Amino acid sequence: MLTTLKNAFKIKEIRTKILFTLAMLVVIRFGSQLPVPGVNRNFFADWFAGQSGDAFNFLNAFTGGSFMQFSVLALNITPYITSSIIMQLLTIAIPKLEEMQKEGEDGRKKIASITRYVTVGLALIESAAMAIGFRNQGLLNLDSTGNASVMDIIIVIAALTAGSAFMMWIGERITEKGVGNGISIVLLINIISSIPQDITGLFDMFVIGEPIPKGAVSAVIILAIILGMIVLVIILNSGVRKIPVQYAKKVQGRKMVGGQTSSIPLKVNTSGVIPIIFASSLMQFPVVISSFFYTGEGVWSEILKGLTSTYWFRLATPIYSIGMVVYMILVVFFAYFYTSITFNPLEVSENLKKQGGFIPGIRPGKPTSEYLTKILNHIILIGAAFLTIIGVLPFIFNGLFNASVSFGGTSLIIIVSVILDTMKQIESQMLVRNYKGFLND
C-alpha cells in the first residue's frame, strides 16, 4: 500500500488528485468546528453526554464528531446516504426510474440529480425536527422571555441544511477531481477522526492505572481483537465465488470467434455494509425521535432500551438482549433483500444466453437462473453470518465490559472497504497512465 502511494506521487496527474482530496478533507474537518448560530454548544454537549443510548453515538461517528459539536456540518452526509438508499429501492418499485437506470450515463445523471433534491429535502426535514425538538428542551440560546424566536429556528434549519448540501457537493467534487468515491472518502475520514479518542478511552479504562502484568495482557487483548476484526473484514470483502462460463464458437464472416472461458464473480459479501446500516438505522430511528419528544418511563421506555445496543449483553438485565436477536434477523433479512434488488439471476442468465454463453453442465435459460439463485442464496447466508458476527462482537464487549467505542463492526467494514477500493482505483489510474506512456513512446 505504501509502495503504491509512493509511486502514485511520482505521477503528476495522480499526485494532483490526491492533494485535492486531502485539501477537501481539511475543509471538512475545519467545517466540523464551525458552530451553528444561536446554539448553546456547551448545553448541547451536556445533553449529548446525558444520553444513555448509542443511537446518537452511531450518528456522531458517521459525522466525525460534528453532531456532538452541533456544527454546521452536524447532519454531514447522512441525508445523502439515506436518499441514495431510498432511490435504489424506488428504482425497483417505479418503472420510470428503472428505465432511467437502463439508459446508461444519461439515465444515471438524471437519477443523481433527483438524489440531490431528495437529499436537500431530507436534510430540511431532519434539521427542522432537530431544531424544534431541541428548542422544546431549551437547547437553543433563549431570549429575555425564555423562548427561542422563530428566526433563530429558521437560522438553525438553514445552517444544517446548507451544511449537508455542502458535504454532498464536496463528495461529488472528490469523485470528479480527486481519488476514490467522494462520499465514501468523506465517510471514511469522519469515522477515522474518532478512532484515536476511542483507543485512548479503551486504554484508560483497561490499561492505564492497572498493575503492569494485567495492563499488558489487557493491551494485547485489545489489539488482538481489533486486528482480528480487521482481518475478518478483509476476508469478508475479498471472498469471491467464481462461476465458470463457457462461450460457444460461432462464425463471423470468415472467422471463427468465441470459445473462450470466463467467469461470473459473486462476492461473498454481496451487499457490503448496507444490511448493517439498514438494520441499525431502522432500530435507532424510534430511539432518536423519542429522545426529542419523549422522556418518560413505562412500557415504551423499556422497548426503547431493547432497541438500544448499549443495554445488550448486560448480565443484570438480560431481557434487553432480545433486541440483539431482532438486530441479527434484520441484518440477514436486509442482506437477502438488498442482494435481490442489485443482482438479478434471471437477467444474468438471459444475457448469457444472448451472448452464447453457458455454465458448464447447466442448460441455458431457466435452469441457469435457478442454479445462480441457489448458489447466491448459499453465498448470501455465509456473508450475512460474517456480517452479523462483525456487527455483534462490539456489542458483546460493550455489554460485558462497558467498552464503548464508535469504530464498531459497521465502521471497520467501511474503513477497510473504502481503503481497499481507493487503492485499487489509484493502481488502475497508474496502470492507465503507464499504458499512455508506452503509447507515447
Protein backbone atom coordinates (compact mmCIF):
# COMPACT_ATOMS: atom_id res chain seq x y z
CA MET A 1 0.00 0.00 0.00
CA LEU A 2 2.78 2.44 0.93
CA THR A 3 4.67 1.50 -2.23
CA THR A 4 1.56 2.22 -4.29
CA LEU A 5 1.17 5.67 -2.72
CA LYS A 6 4.86 6.41 -3.19
CA ASN A 7 4.68 5.51 -6.88
CA ALA A 8 1.41 7.44 -7.27
CA PHE A 9 3.03 10.66 -6.04
CA LYS A 10 5.60 10.35 -8.83
CA ILE A 11 2.84 10.85 -11.39
CA LYS A 12 1.75 14.50 -11.56
CA GLU A 13 -1.87 13.84 -12.55
CA ILE A 14 -2.48 11.36 -9.73
CA ARG A 15 -0.50 13.46 -7.26
CA THR A 16 -2.76 16.44 -8.02
CA LYS A 17 -5.86 14.32 -7.43
CA ILE A 18 -4.55 13.03 -4.09
CA LEU A 19 -3.61 16.52 -2.91
CA PHE A 20 -7.03 17.86 -3.96
CA THR A 21 -8.71 15.09 -1.96
CA LEU A 22 -6.60 15.86 1.10
CA ALA A 23 -7.42 19.58 0.77
CA MET A 24 -11.15 18.81 0.71
CA LEU A 25 -10.79 16.64 3.82
CA VAL A 26 -9.07 19.55 5.62
CA VAL A 27 -12.03 21.76 4.69
CA ILE A 28 -14.40 19.14 6.14
CA ARG A 29 -12.55 18.94 9.44
CA PHE A 30 -12.47 22.74 9.64
CA GLY A 31 -16.22 22.92 8.96
CA SER A 32 -16.85 20.37 11.71
CA GLN A 33 -15.75 23.00 14.23
CA LEU A 34 -17.92 25.87 12.93
CA PRO A 35 -20.84 26.40 15.35
CA VAL A 36 -24.45 26.81 14.27
CA PRO A 37 -25.62 30.36 15.12
CA GLY A 38 -27.97 30.57 18.07
CA VAL A 39 -26.97 27.26 19.67
CA ASN A 40 -25.59 26.88 23.18
CA ARG A 41 -22.89 24.32 22.38
CA ASN A 42 -21.94 23.65 25.98
CA PHE A 43 -25.52 22.87 26.90
CA PHE A 44 -25.85 20.66 23.83
CA ALA A 45 -22.68 18.78 24.74
CA ASP A 46 -24.08 18.18 28.24
CA TRP A 47 -27.30 16.92 26.74
CA PHE A 48 -25.41 14.58 24.41
CA ALA A 49 -23.33 13.22 27.30
CA GLY A 50 -26.54 12.50 29.24
CA GLN A 51 -27.98 10.25 26.54
CA SER A 52 -27.90 6.64 27.73
CA GLY A 53 -28.45 5.07 24.30
CA ASP A 54 -25.99 4.62 21.46
CA ALA A 55 -28.20 5.91 18.66
CA PHE A 56 -26.55 9.33 18.75
CA ASN A 57 -23.09 7.76 19.17
CA PHE A 58 -23.72 5.96 15.88
CA LEU A 59 -24.74 9.24 14.22
CA ASN A 60 -21.84 11.12 15.82
CA ALA A 61 -19.33 8.56 14.50
CA PHE A 62 -20.72 8.89 10.96
CA THR A 63 -20.48 12.69 11.14
CA GLY A 64 -16.94 12.78 12.51
CA GLY A 65 -17.96 14.38 15.80
CA SER A 66 -19.84 17.18 14.04
CA PHE A 67 -23.12 16.13 15.61
CA MET A 68 -21.80 16.32 19.18
CA GLN A 69 -20.24 19.70 18.35
CA PHE A 70 -23.54 20.69 16.69
CA SER A 71 -21.57 22.40 13.96
CA VAL A 72 -22.95 23.49 10.60
CA LEU A 73 -21.96 20.00 9.35
CA ALA A 74 -23.93 18.22 12.10
CA LEU A 75 -26.04 16.32 9.56
CA ASN A 76 -23.00 15.72 7.35
CA ILE A 77 -23.64 13.23 4.51
CA THR A 78 -26.21 11.12 6.37
CA PRO A 79 -29.13 12.65 4.37
CA TYR A 80 -27.28 11.83 1.13
CA ILE A 81 -26.69 8.23 2.20
CA THR A 82 -30.36 7.88 3.15
CA SER A 83 -31.54 9.43 -0.13
CA SER A 84 -29.23 7.15 -2.13
CA ILE A 85 -30.70 4.10 -0.40
CA ILE A 86 -34.23 5.39 -1.00
CA MET A 87 -33.51 5.96 -4.69
CA GLN A 88 -32.08 2.45 -5.06
CA LEU A 89 -35.25 1.00 -3.57
CA LEU A 90 -37.51 3.25 -5.67
CA THR A 91 -35.64 2.22 -8.81
CA ILE A 92 -37.04 -1.27 -8.29
CA ALA A 93 -40.54 -0.09 -7.41
CA ILE A 94 -41.02 2.68 -10.02
CA PRO A 95 -40.73 1.59 -13.71
CA LYS A 96 -39.82 5.12 -14.85
CA LEU A 97 -36.74 5.18 -12.61
CA GLU A 98 -35.83 1.67 -13.73
CA GLU A 99 -35.91 2.86 -17.35
CA MET A 100 -33.64 5.78 -16.43
CA GLN A 101 -31.14 3.40 -14.86
CA LYS A 102 -31.01 1.38 -18.07
CA GLU A 103 -30.43 4.48 -20.23
CA GLY A 104 -26.72 4.45 -19.42
CA GLU A 105 -24.78 7.55 -18.45
CA ASP A 106 -27.65 9.99 -19.20
CA GLY A 107 -30.03 7.97 -17.05
CA ARG A 108 -27.57 7.82 -14.17
CA LYS A 109 -27.14 11.60 -14.34
CA LYS A 110 -30.90 12.08 -14.09
CA ILE A 111 -31.11 9.75 -11.08
CA ALA A 112 -28.15 11.56 -9.47
CA SER A 113 -29.95 14.88 -9.96
CA ILE A 114 -33.11 13.52 -8.32
CA THR A 115 -30.99 12.13 -5.47
CA ARG A 116 -29.62 15.62 -4.81
CA TYR A 117 -33.11 17.07 -4.46
CA VAL A 118 -34.15 14.22 -2.17
CA THR A 119 -31.02 14.85 -0.09
CA VAL A 120 -31.88 18.52 0.40
CA GLY A 121 -35.47 17.59 1.26
CA LEU A 122 -34.37 15.05 3.85
CA ALA A 123 -31.83 17.49 5.31
CA LEU A 124 -34.58 20.11 5.59
CA ILE A 125 -36.90 17.68 7.40
CA GLU A 126 -34.19 16.39 9.74
CA SER A 127 -32.86 19.84 10.59
CA ALA A 128 -36.40 21.11 11.27
CA ALA A 129 -37.08 18.14 13.58
CA MET A 130 -33.82 18.72 15.42
CA ALA A 131 -34.32 22.48 15.75
CA ILE A 132 -37.89 22.17 17.02
CA GLY A 133 -37.09 19.22 19.28
CA PHE A 134 -34.05 20.90 20.80
CA ARG A 135 -35.93 24.17 21.22
CA ASN A 136 -38.57 22.37 23.26
CA GLN A 137 -35.81 21.12 25.55
CA GLY A 138 -34.18 24.53 25.83
CA LEU A 139 -31.04 23.69 23.93
CA LEU A 140 -31.05 26.87 21.85
CA ASN A 141 -29.96 30.24 23.16
CA LEU A 142 -33.07 31.84 24.64
CA ASP A 143 -34.14 35.46 24.57
CA SER A 144 -35.15 37.57 27.59
CA THR A 145 -38.58 35.91 27.71
CA GLY A 146 -37.06 32.42 27.92
CA ASN A 147 -38.02 31.45 24.36
CA ALA A 148 -36.18 30.95 21.10
CA SER A 149 -37.52 33.17 18.32
CA VAL A 150 -38.84 31.81 15.04
CA MET A 151 -35.89 33.43 13.26
CA ASP A 152 -33.44 31.53 15.48
CA ILE A 153 -35.09 28.26 14.48
CA ILE A 154 -35.04 29.20 10.79
CA ILE A 155 -31.33 30.07 11.02
CA VAL A 156 -30.57 26.67 12.59
CA ILE A 157 -32.58 24.85 9.91
CA ALA A 158 -30.91 26.82 7.11
CA ALA A 159 -27.40 26.27 8.53
CA LEU A 160 -27.83 22.50 8.96
CA THR A 161 -29.45 22.06 5.53
CA ALA A 162 -26.75 24.14 3.83
CA GLY A 163 -24.06 22.16 5.64
CA SER A 164 -25.50 18.86 4.41
CA ALA A 165 -25.76 20.18 0.82
CA PHE A 166 -22.16 21.43 1.06
CA MET A 167 -20.96 17.99 2.17
CA MET A 168 -22.78 16.41 -0.78
CA TRP A 169 -21.09 18.91 -3.12
CA ILE A 170 -17.64 18.15 -1.66
CA GLY A 171 -18.23 14.42 -2.07
CA GLU A 172 -19.12 14.86 -5.73
CA ARG A 173 -16.09 17.10 -6.32
CA ILE A 174 -13.79 14.47 -4.79
CA THR A 175 -15.29 11.84 -7.09
CA GLU A 176 -14.80 14.15 -10.10
CA LYS A 177 -11.39 15.68 -9.37
CA GLY A 178 -9.92 13.53 -6.60
CA VAL A 179 -9.36 9.83 -5.97
CA GLY A 180 -11.93 7.25 -4.95
CA ASN A 181 -15.63 7.64 -4.36
CA GLY A 182 -16.14 11.05 -2.75
CA ILE A 183 -18.98 10.14 -0.40
CA SER A 184 -17.10 7.04 0.78
CA ILE A 185 -13.94 9.09 1.36
CA VAL A 186 -15.89 11.65 3.40
CA LEU A 187 -17.47 8.89 5.47
CA LEU A 188 -14.03 7.31 5.95
CA ILE A 189 -12.41 10.48 7.33
CA ASN A 190 -15.39 11.07 9.61
CA ILE A 191 -15.05 7.62 11.17
CA ILE A 192 -11.25 7.69 11.39
CA SER A 193 -11.33 11.06 13.17
CA SER A 194 -12.95 9.49 16.25
CA ILE A 195 -10.74 6.39 16.46
CA PRO A 196 -7.80 7.94 18.41
CA GLN A 197 -10.19 9.12 21.12
CA ASP A 198 -11.80 5.67 21.33
CA ILE A 199 -8.44 3.89 21.53
CA THR A 200 -7.35 6.29 24.27
CA GLY A 201 -10.59 5.61 26.14
CA LEU A 202 -10.06 1.85 25.97
CA PHE A 203 -6.50 2.11 27.27
CA ASP A 204 -7.57 4.50 30.03
CA MET A 205 -10.24 2.02 31.10
CA PHE A 206 -8.33 -1.28 30.91
CA VAL A 207 -4.59 -0.48 30.83
CA ILE A 208 -3.67 2.81 32.48
CA GLY A 209 -3.58 2.58 36.26
CA GLU A 210 -3.66 -1.23 36.31
CA PRO A 211 -0.78 -3.45 37.52
CA ILE A 212 1.80 -3.91 34.78
CA PRO A 213 1.04 -7.63 34.08
CA LYS A 214 -2.72 -7.05 33.95
CA GLY A 215 -2.33 -3.87 31.89
CA ALA A 216 -0.02 -5.61 29.41
CA VAL A 217 -2.43 -8.52 28.97
CA SER A 218 -5.34 -6.11 28.50
CA ALA A 219 -3.40 -4.13 25.88
CA VAL A 220 -2.55 -7.32 23.97
CA ILE A 221 -6.18 -8.48 24.09
CA ILE A 222 -7.47 -5.10 22.85
CA LEU A 223 -5.01 -5.02 19.95
CA ALA A 224 -5.66 -8.68 19.11
CA ILE A 225 -9.43 -8.12 18.97
CA ILE A 226 -9.07 -5.05 16.75
CA LEU A 227 -6.59 -6.76 14.40
CA GLY A 228 -8.73 -9.92 14.36
CA MET A 229 -11.81 -7.95 13.31
CA ILE A 230 -9.83 -6.14 10.61
CA VAL A 231 -8.59 -9.48 9.21
CA LEU A 232 -12.13 -10.85 9.33
CA VAL A 233 -13.41 -7.82 7.42
CA ILE A 234 -10.66 -8.17 4.78
CA ILE A 235 -11.51 -11.85 4.32
CA LEU A 236 -15.20 -10.99 4.07
CA ASN A 237 -14.62 -8.29 1.45
CA SER A 238 -12.16 -10.30 -0.64
CA GLY A 239 -14.13 -13.56 -0.67
CA VAL A 240 -15.45 -14.35 -4.18
CA ARG A 241 -17.19 -17.38 -5.68
CA LYS A 242 -16.40 -17.58 -9.39
CA ILE A 243 -18.99 -19.30 -11.59
CA PRO A 244 -17.27 -20.60 -14.76
CA VAL A 245 -18.83 -19.55 -18.08
CA GLN A 246 -18.08 -21.06 -21.48
CA TYR A 247 -18.89 -19.23 -24.73
CA ALA A 248 -19.85 -21.25 -27.79
CA LYS A 249 -17.87 -20.88 -31.01
CA LYS A 250 -19.60 -19.17 -33.92
CA VAL A 251 -18.70 -17.96 -37.39
CA GLN A 252 -18.49 -14.23 -38.11
CA GLY A 253 -17.62 -13.62 -41.74
CA ARG A 254 -14.70 -15.89 -42.47
CA LYS A 255 -13.52 -16.10 -38.89
CA MET A 256 -14.41 -18.43 -36.06
CA VAL A 257 -14.94 -16.45 -32.87
CA GLY A 258 -15.90 -17.39 -29.32
CA GLY A 259 -14.95 -20.49 -27.44
CA GLN A 260 -13.25 -18.58 -24.65
CA THR A 261 -13.81 -19.22 -20.96
CA SER A 262 -14.84 -16.56 -18.46
CA SER A 263 -16.48 -16.44 -15.04
CA ILE A 264 -19.18 -14.65 -13.07
CA PRO A 265 -17.68 -13.33 -9.81
CA LEU A 266 -20.13 -13.48 -6.92
CA LYS A 267 -18.81 -11.70 -3.84
CA VAL A 268 -19.38 -13.42 -0.50
CA ASN A 269 -20.37 -10.05 0.92
CA THR A 270 -22.65 -9.18 -1.98
CA SER A 271 -24.46 -6.38 -0.15
CA GLY A 272 -21.47 -4.73 1.56
CA VAL A 273 -22.21 -2.83 4.74
CA ILE A 274 -25.75 -1.92 3.66
CA PRO A 275 -27.54 -4.60 5.79
CA ILE A 276 -25.87 -3.36 8.99
CA ILE A 277 -26.65 0.27 8.15
CA PHE A 278 -30.26 -0.60 7.32
CA ALA A 279 -30.72 -2.67 10.49
CA SER A 280 -29.02 -0.12 12.75
CA SER A 281 -30.92 2.80 11.24
CA LEU A 282 -34.26 1.03 11.49
CA MET A 283 -33.76 0.15 15.15
CA GLN A 284 -32.34 3.54 16.14
CA PHE A 285 -34.91 5.67 14.34
CA PRO A 286 -37.57 5.40 17.08
CA VAL A 287 -34.88 5.95 19.73
CA VAL A 288 -33.70 9.17 18.07
CA ILE A 289 -37.22 10.53 17.54
CA SER A 290 -38.30 9.63 21.07
CA SER A 291 -35.29 11.40 22.57
CA PHE A 292 -36.61 14.68 21.14
CA PHE A 293 -40.19 14.38 22.31
CA TYR A 294 -40.44 11.62 24.94
CA THR A 295 -38.60 11.50 28.26
CA GLY A 296 -41.00 9.49 30.41
CA GLU A 297 -40.88 5.96 31.80
CA GLY A 298 -43.11 2.98 31.15
CA VAL A 299 -43.54 0.24 28.58
CA TRP A 300 -42.33 2.42 25.70
CA SER A 301 -39.18 3.27 27.62
CA GLU A 302 -38.46 -0.44 28.11
CA ILE A 303 -38.98 -1.10 24.41
CA LEU A 304 -36.54 1.69 23.53
CA LYS A 305 -33.92 0.14 25.81
CA GLY A 306 -34.35 -3.16 23.97
CA LEU A 307 -33.70 -1.37 20.70
CA THR A 308 -30.52 0.23 22.06
CA SER A 309 -27.36 -1.88 21.83
CA THR A 310 -25.92 -0.24 24.96
CA TYR A 311 -28.27 -2.41 27.02
CA TRP A 312 -27.49 -5.68 25.22
CA PHE A 313 -25.47 -8.39 26.97
CA ARG A 314 -25.80 -6.76 30.35
CA LEU A 315 -25.87 -9.56 32.91
CA ALA A 316 -28.16 -7.58 35.22
CA THR A 317 -30.83 -7.06 32.53
CA PRO A 318 -30.65 -9.94 30.01
CA ILE A 319 -34.19 -9.26 28.76
CA TYR A 320 -32.96 -6.30 26.72
CA SER A 321 -30.72 -8.62 24.66
CA ILE A 322 -33.86 -9.65 22.76
CA GLY A 323 -33.16 -6.53 20.75
CA MET A 324 -29.89 -8.12 19.61
CA VAL A 325 -31.82 -11.09 18.21
CA VAL A 326 -34.05 -8.69 16.29
CA TYR A 327 -30.93 -6.89 15.04
CA MET A 328 -29.39 -10.15 13.77
CA ILE A 329 -32.61 -11.12 12.00
CA LEU A 330 -32.75 -7.70 10.33
CA VAL A 331 -29.12 -7.96 9.14
CA VAL A 332 -29.82 -11.34 7.50
CA PHE A 333 -33.11 -10.10 6.02
CA PHE A 334 -31.57 -6.97 4.51
CA ALA A 335 -28.62 -8.98 3.16
CA TYR A 336 -31.05 -11.09 1.13
CA PHE A 337 -33.29 -8.14 0.29
CA TYR A 338 -30.56 -5.80 -0.93
CA THR A 339 -28.86 -8.53 -2.98
CA SER A 340 -32.19 -9.39 -4.59
CA ILE A 341 -32.56 -5.84 -5.92
CA THR A 342 -28.96 -5.46 -7.09
CA PHE A 343 -28.37 -8.88 -8.67
CA ASN A 344 -31.00 -10.49 -10.89
CA PRO A 345 -30.15 -14.13 -11.76
CA LEU A 346 -32.86 -14.22 -14.45
CA GLU A 347 -31.42 -11.16 -16.18
CA VAL A 348 -27.88 -12.59 -15.97
CA SER A 349 -28.99 -15.91 -17.44
CA GLU A 350 -30.81 -14.16 -20.30
CA ASN A 351 -27.74 -12.04 -21.10
CA LEU A 352 -25.56 -15.15 -21.10
CA LYS A 353 -27.99 -16.86 -23.47
CA LYS A 354 -27.97 -13.89 -25.87
CA GLN A 355 -24.16 -13.81 -25.87
CA GLY A 356 -23.88 -17.54 -26.49
CA GLY A 357 -22.55 -18.26 -23.02
CA PHE A 358 -23.44 -21.08 -20.67
CA ILE A 359 -22.37 -22.56 -17.37
CA PRO A 360 -20.77 -26.00 -17.95
CA GLY A 361 -23.24 -28.73 -17.01
CA ILE A 362 -26.18 -26.31 -16.74
CA ARG A 363 -28.65 -25.69 -19.55
CA PRO A 364 -29.18 -22.06 -20.65
CA GLY A 365 -32.31 -20.18 -19.62
CA LYS A 366 -34.36 -21.06 -16.55
CA PRO A 367 -32.01 -23.85 -15.28
CA THR A 368 -29.14 -21.32 -15.29
CA SER A 369 -31.25 -18.82 -13.39
CA GLU A 370 -32.24 -21.44 -10.81
CA TYR A 371 -28.62 -22.55 -10.44
CA LEU A 372 -27.41 -18.98 -9.89
CA THR A 373 -30.20 -18.37 -7.38
CA LYS A 374 -29.23 -21.49 -5.43
CA ILE A 375 -25.54 -20.55 -5.33
CA LEU A 376 -26.40 -16.95 -4.46
CA ASN A 377 -28.59 -17.97 -1.53
CA HIS A 378 -25.76 -20.02 -0.03
CA ILE A 379 -23.27 -17.18 -0.52
CA ILE A 380 -25.62 -14.59 0.99
CA LEU A 381 -26.12 -16.77 4.07
CA ILE A 382 -22.36 -17.05 4.60
CA GLY A 383 -21.86 -13.33 4.05
CA ALA A 384 -24.76 -12.42 6.35
CA ALA A 385 -23.33 -14.70 9.06
CA PHE A 386 -19.95 -12.96 8.82
CA LEU A 387 -21.64 -9.55 8.86
CA THR A 388 -23.65 -10.50 11.92
CA ILE A 389 -20.54 -11.67 13.79
CA ILE A 390 -18.64 -8.49 12.93
CA GLY A 391 -21.60 -6.33 13.84
CA VAL A 392 -22.41 -8.06 17.15
CA LEU A 393 -18.89 -8.51 18.57
CA PRO A 394 -18.51 -4.86 19.64
CA PHE A 395 -21.92 -5.01 21.35
CA ILE A 396 -20.83 -8.07 23.33
CA PHE A 397 -17.72 -6.33 24.68
CA ASN A 398 -19.71 -3.19 25.32
CA GLY A 399 -22.32 -5.06 27.35
CA LEU A 400 -19.93 -7.32 29.27
CA PHE A 401 -17.05 -4.89 29.83
CA ASN A 402 -18.64 -1.48 29.18
CA ALA A 403 -16.05 -0.95 26.43
CA SER A 404 -17.97 1.58 24.36
CA VAL A 405 -16.30 2.51 21.06
CA SER A 406 -17.52 4.14 17.87
CA PHE A 407 -15.40 2.02 15.49
CA GLY A 408 -17.67 -0.99 15.71
CA GLY A 409 -18.31 -3.58 13.02
CA THR A 410 -20.01 -1.12 10.69
CA SER A 411 -17.15 1.36 10.91
CA LEU A 412 -14.45 -1.27 10.37
CA ILE A 413 -16.19 -2.63 7.28
CA ILE A 414 -16.48 0.87 5.84
CA ILE A 415 -12.85 1.74 6.66
CA VAL A 416 -11.38 -1.43 5.17
CA SER A 417 -13.68 -1.43 2.11
CA VAL A 418 -13.08 2.22 1.24
CA ILE A 419 -9.30 1.97 1.67
CA LEU A 420 -9.08 -1.17 -0.47
CA ASP A 421 -11.35 0.27 -3.19
CA THR A 422 -9.46 3.57 -3.24
CA MET A 423 -6.09 1.82 -3.54
CA LYS A 424 -7.46 -0.27 -6.42
CA GLN A 425 -8.60 2.90 -8.18
CA ILE A 426 -5.18 4.51 -7.71
CA GLU A 427 -3.49 1.39 -9.08
CA SER A 428 -5.87 1.37 -12.06
CA GLN A 429 -5.10 5.03 -12.83
CA MET A 430 -1.37 4.30 -12.56
CA LEU A 431 -1.79 1.38 -14.96
CA VAL A 432 -3.68 3.54 -17.47
CA ARG A 433 -1.02 6.26 -17.11
CA ASN A 434 1.74 3.73 -17.83
CA TYR A 435 -0.10 2.46 -20.90
CA LYS A 436 -0.33 6.05 -22.17
CA GLY A 437 3.41 6.41 -21.59
CA PHE A 438 4.10 3.28 -23.63
CA LEU A 439 1.90 4.55 -26.48
CA ASN A 440 3.59 7.96 -26.48
CA ASP A 441 6.99 6.31 -26.61
